[in-house]
Protein backbone atom coordinates (compact mmCIF):
# COMPACT_ATOMS: atom_id res chain seq x y z
CA MET A 1 -11.68 -11.94 105.82
CA SER A 2 -9.86 -14.27 108.17
CA ILE A 3 -8.42 -17.68 107.08
CA ASP A 4 -11.32 -19.36 108.82
CA ASP A 5 -13.79 -17.24 106.71
CA ASP A 6 -11.84 -18.14 103.56
CA ILE A 7 -11.98 -21.94 104.50
CA ALA A 8 -15.73 -21.63 105.07
CA LEU A 9 -16.20 -19.93 101.67
CA LEU A 10 -13.94 -22.47 99.95
CA ARG A 11 -15.77 -25.34 101.60
CA SER A 12 -19.11 -23.99 100.21
CA VAL A 13 -17.94 -24.57 96.53
CA PRO A 14 -18.88 -28.15 95.71
CA MET A 15 -15.71 -29.18 93.87
CA LEU A 16 -13.58 -27.76 96.61
CA ALA A 17 -15.61 -29.17 99.45
CA LEU A 18 -14.17 -32.60 98.33
CA LEU A 19 -10.78 -31.66 99.55
CA GLY A 20 -11.50 -31.60 103.30
CA ARG A 21 -10.42 -29.12 105.99
CA GLU A 22 -6.61 -29.40 105.97
CA PRO A 23 -6.15 -29.11 102.32
CA LEU A 24 -8.64 -26.11 102.25
CA ARG A 25 -6.61 -24.47 104.98
CA ILE A 26 -3.51 -24.77 102.92
CA LEU A 27 -5.37 -23.51 99.86
CA ALA A 28 -6.81 -20.50 101.88
CA ILE A 29 -3.23 -19.57 103.19
CA GLY A 30 -1.63 -19.90 99.74
CA ALA A 31 -4.36 -18.16 97.67
CA GLU A 32 -4.62 -14.55 97.23
CA ASN A 33 -7.60 -12.28 97.84
CA ARG A 34 -8.25 -9.83 95.04
CA TYR A 35 -10.49 -6.72 94.80
CA VAL A 36 -12.08 -6.21 91.43
CA HIS A 37 -13.61 -2.88 90.45
CA GLU A 38 -16.85 -2.52 88.77
CA ARG A 39 -16.74 -3.11 85.08
CA GLU A 40 -13.16 -4.50 85.46
CA VAL A 41 -12.52 -7.68 83.45
CA LEU A 42 -11.26 -10.55 85.70
CA PHE A 43 -10.28 -12.54 82.55
CA ARG A 44 -10.99 -12.61 78.80
CA ALA A 45 -11.64 -15.33 76.37
CA GLY A 46 -8.47 -16.39 74.85
CA ASP A 47 -6.27 -15.46 77.95
CA ALA A 48 -4.02 -18.14 79.28
CA ALA A 49 -5.91 -20.03 82.00
CA ASP A 50 -3.52 -20.20 85.00
CA ALA A 51 -5.88 -19.95 88.05
CA GLY A 52 -9.45 -20.47 89.25
CA TYR A 53 -11.30 -17.82 91.10
CA VAL A 54 -13.85 -18.17 93.95
CA VAL A 55 -16.33 -15.23 94.13
CA GLN A 56 -16.25 -13.86 97.68
CA GLU A 57 -18.45 -10.80 97.16
CA GLY A 58 -20.24 -8.96 94.32
CA SER A 59 -21.35 -10.36 91.02
CA PHE A 60 -19.76 -11.13 87.63
CA ALA A 61 -21.09 -11.35 84.10
CA ILE A 62 -19.92 -14.37 82.16
CA VAL A 63 -20.08 -13.98 78.40
CA GLN A 64 -19.04 -16.35 75.67
CA PRO A 65 -17.42 -14.88 72.47
CA GLY A 66 -19.66 -14.32 69.69
CA GLN A 67 -22.70 -14.24 72.04
CA ASP A 68 -22.50 -10.44 72.72
CA ASN A 69 -26.41 -10.03 72.42
CA ALA A 70 -27.17 -13.09 74.65
CA GLU A 71 -28.04 -12.53 78.23
CA PRO A 72 -24.81 -13.06 80.23
CA VAL A 73 -24.59 -15.66 83.02
CA ILE A 74 -24.42 -14.06 86.32
CA ALA A 75 -22.05 -15.53 88.97
CA THR A 76 -22.21 -14.62 92.65
CA ALA A 77 -20.65 -16.11 95.77
CA PRO A 78 -19.62 -18.88 96.12
CA THR A 79 -19.02 -19.63 92.48
CA LEU A 80 -15.80 -21.13 91.21
CA LEU A 81 -14.91 -19.33 87.97
CA GLY A 82 -12.39 -21.12 85.64
CA GLU A 83 -12.40 -24.29 87.47
CA LEU A 84 -10.57 -26.37 84.66
CA ALA A 85 -7.59 -23.87 84.93
CA LEU A 86 -6.92 -25.48 88.30
CA ILE A 87 -6.02 -28.85 86.74
CA ALA A 88 -5.12 -28.27 83.07
CA GLU A 89 -3.28 -25.70 80.94
CA GLY A 90 -5.40 -23.96 78.20
CA ARG A 91 -7.15 -20.76 77.24
CA ARG A 92 -10.07 -19.10 78.68
CA SER A 93 -13.28 -19.72 76.89
CA MET A 94 -15.38 -16.91 78.39
CA THR A 95 -14.98 -13.36 79.37
CA VAL A 96 -15.77 -12.53 83.00
CA THR A 97 -16.42 -8.96 84.06
CA ALA A 98 -17.30 -7.50 87.50
CA LEU A 99 -20.86 -5.95 87.55
CA GLU A 100 -20.14 -4.20 90.81
CA PRO A 101 -17.29 -3.71 93.30
CA SER A 102 -16.43 -7.36 93.97
CA SER A 103 -13.76 -9.64 95.57
CA VAL A 104 -12.42 -13.07 94.68
CA ILE A 105 -10.05 -15.68 96.03
CA ARG A 106 -7.40 -16.46 93.26
CA ILE A 107 -6.16 -19.98 93.40
CA PRO A 108 -3.17 -20.50 91.15
CA ARG A 109 -2.80 -23.88 89.40
CA PRO A 110 0.55 -24.73 90.88
CA LEU A 111 -0.80 -24.25 94.40
CA PHE A 112 -3.81 -26.58 93.60
CA LEU A 113 -1.68 -29.22 92.02
CA LYS A 114 0.78 -29.14 94.89
CA ILE A 115 -2.20 -29.87 97.30
CA LEU A 116 -3.11 -32.86 95.01
CA GLU A 117 0.42 -34.10 95.11
CA GLY A 118 0.44 -33.91 98.90
CA TYR A 119 -3.02 -35.67 99.17
CA PRO A 120 -3.06 -38.10 96.25
CA GLU A 121 -6.47 -39.54 97.36
CA LEU A 122 -8.00 -36.16 96.62
CA ALA A 123 -7.04 -36.50 93.03
CA PHE A 124 -9.26 -39.67 92.71
CA ARG A 125 -12.16 -37.99 94.45
CA LEU A 126 -11.96 -35.10 92.14
CA ARG A 127 -11.60 -37.35 89.11
CA ASP A 128 -14.69 -39.35 90.17
CA ALA A 129 -16.66 -36.07 90.71
CA VAL A 130 -15.62 -34.62 87.39
CA ALA A 131 -16.56 -37.88 85.67
CA GLN A 132 -20.07 -38.01 87.30
CA ARG A 133 -20.59 -34.41 86.20
CA ALA A 134 -19.54 -35.08 82.64
CA THR A 135 -21.83 -38.13 82.67
CA ARG A 136 -24.75 -35.95 83.82
CA MET A 137 -23.95 -33.35 81.17
CA MET A 138 -23.78 -35.85 78.39
CA ALA A 139 -27.15 -37.28 79.45
CA GLU A 140 -28.59 -33.72 79.47
CA LEU A 141 -27.08 -33.08 76.06
CA THR A 142 -28.54 -36.29 74.73
CA LEU A 143 -32.06 -35.11 75.85
CA VAL A 144 -31.52 -31.77 74.22
CA ARG A 145 -30.40 -33.45 70.95
CA ARG A 146 -33.51 -35.63 70.99
CA LYS A 147 -35.84 -32.65 71.60
CA LEU A 148 -34.13 -30.73 68.74
CA ALA A 149 -34.40 -33.76 66.36
CA ALA A 150 -38.17 -34.01 67.30
CA ILE A 151 -38.76 -30.35 66.53
CA GLU A 152 -36.81 -30.74 63.18
CA ASP A 153 -38.91 -33.84 62.33
CA GLN A 154 -42.09 -31.96 63.06
CA LYS A 155 -40.94 -29.04 60.88
CA SER A 156 -40.17 -31.34 58.06
CA ALA A 157 -43.52 -33.08 58.34
CA GLU A 158 -45.37 -29.75 58.38
CA ALA A 159 -43.41 -28.59 55.32
CA THR A 160 -44.15 -31.85 53.46
CA THR A 161 -47.87 -31.47 54.36
CA ALA A 162 -47.99 -28.00 53.12
CA GLU A 163 -46.24 -28.94 49.85
CA THR A 164 -48.78 -31.83 49.18
CA ALA A 165 -51.90 -30.07 50.26
CA PRO A 166 -54.30 -29.05 47.51
CA PRO A 167 -54.65 -25.27 46.89
CA THR A 168 -57.67 -23.71 48.46
CA GLU A 169 -60.02 -21.73 46.35
CA GLY A 170 -60.77 -18.36 47.70
């Protein structure tokens, strides 16, 4: 792929689209393209998180530890994997494995942070976008919590009714 192709791919990722053309150009030049074989692990839960990866081609299974029997989340282009690693040190919370021959653009954290240093207004844009997303997620979690509480209340009411109901003769 050419630099222009990489820029177009990076621009199609919502978080990275906030950066604008020149920062994306710098990112495309400094990032590395990487081929990933089928069934190769891109990163494992517990690994040091030092980069984000944009899926160029192929697909990846995302599995959370302890959820081995759950259906994996499937990521295809143009998904950004490990986005928090771009801005903060930490450990990977998921294992990501190629489902087929695939390619990614690896964006090292130091490169991403250098871009934010060179374009400080971008840091504010990213902060606002992350804050909006966190607010949406909290609202969604509140709805889920309310629905779960309603289900628990219904189960409790049914159990109470079953306990107090007179026995049936048969």
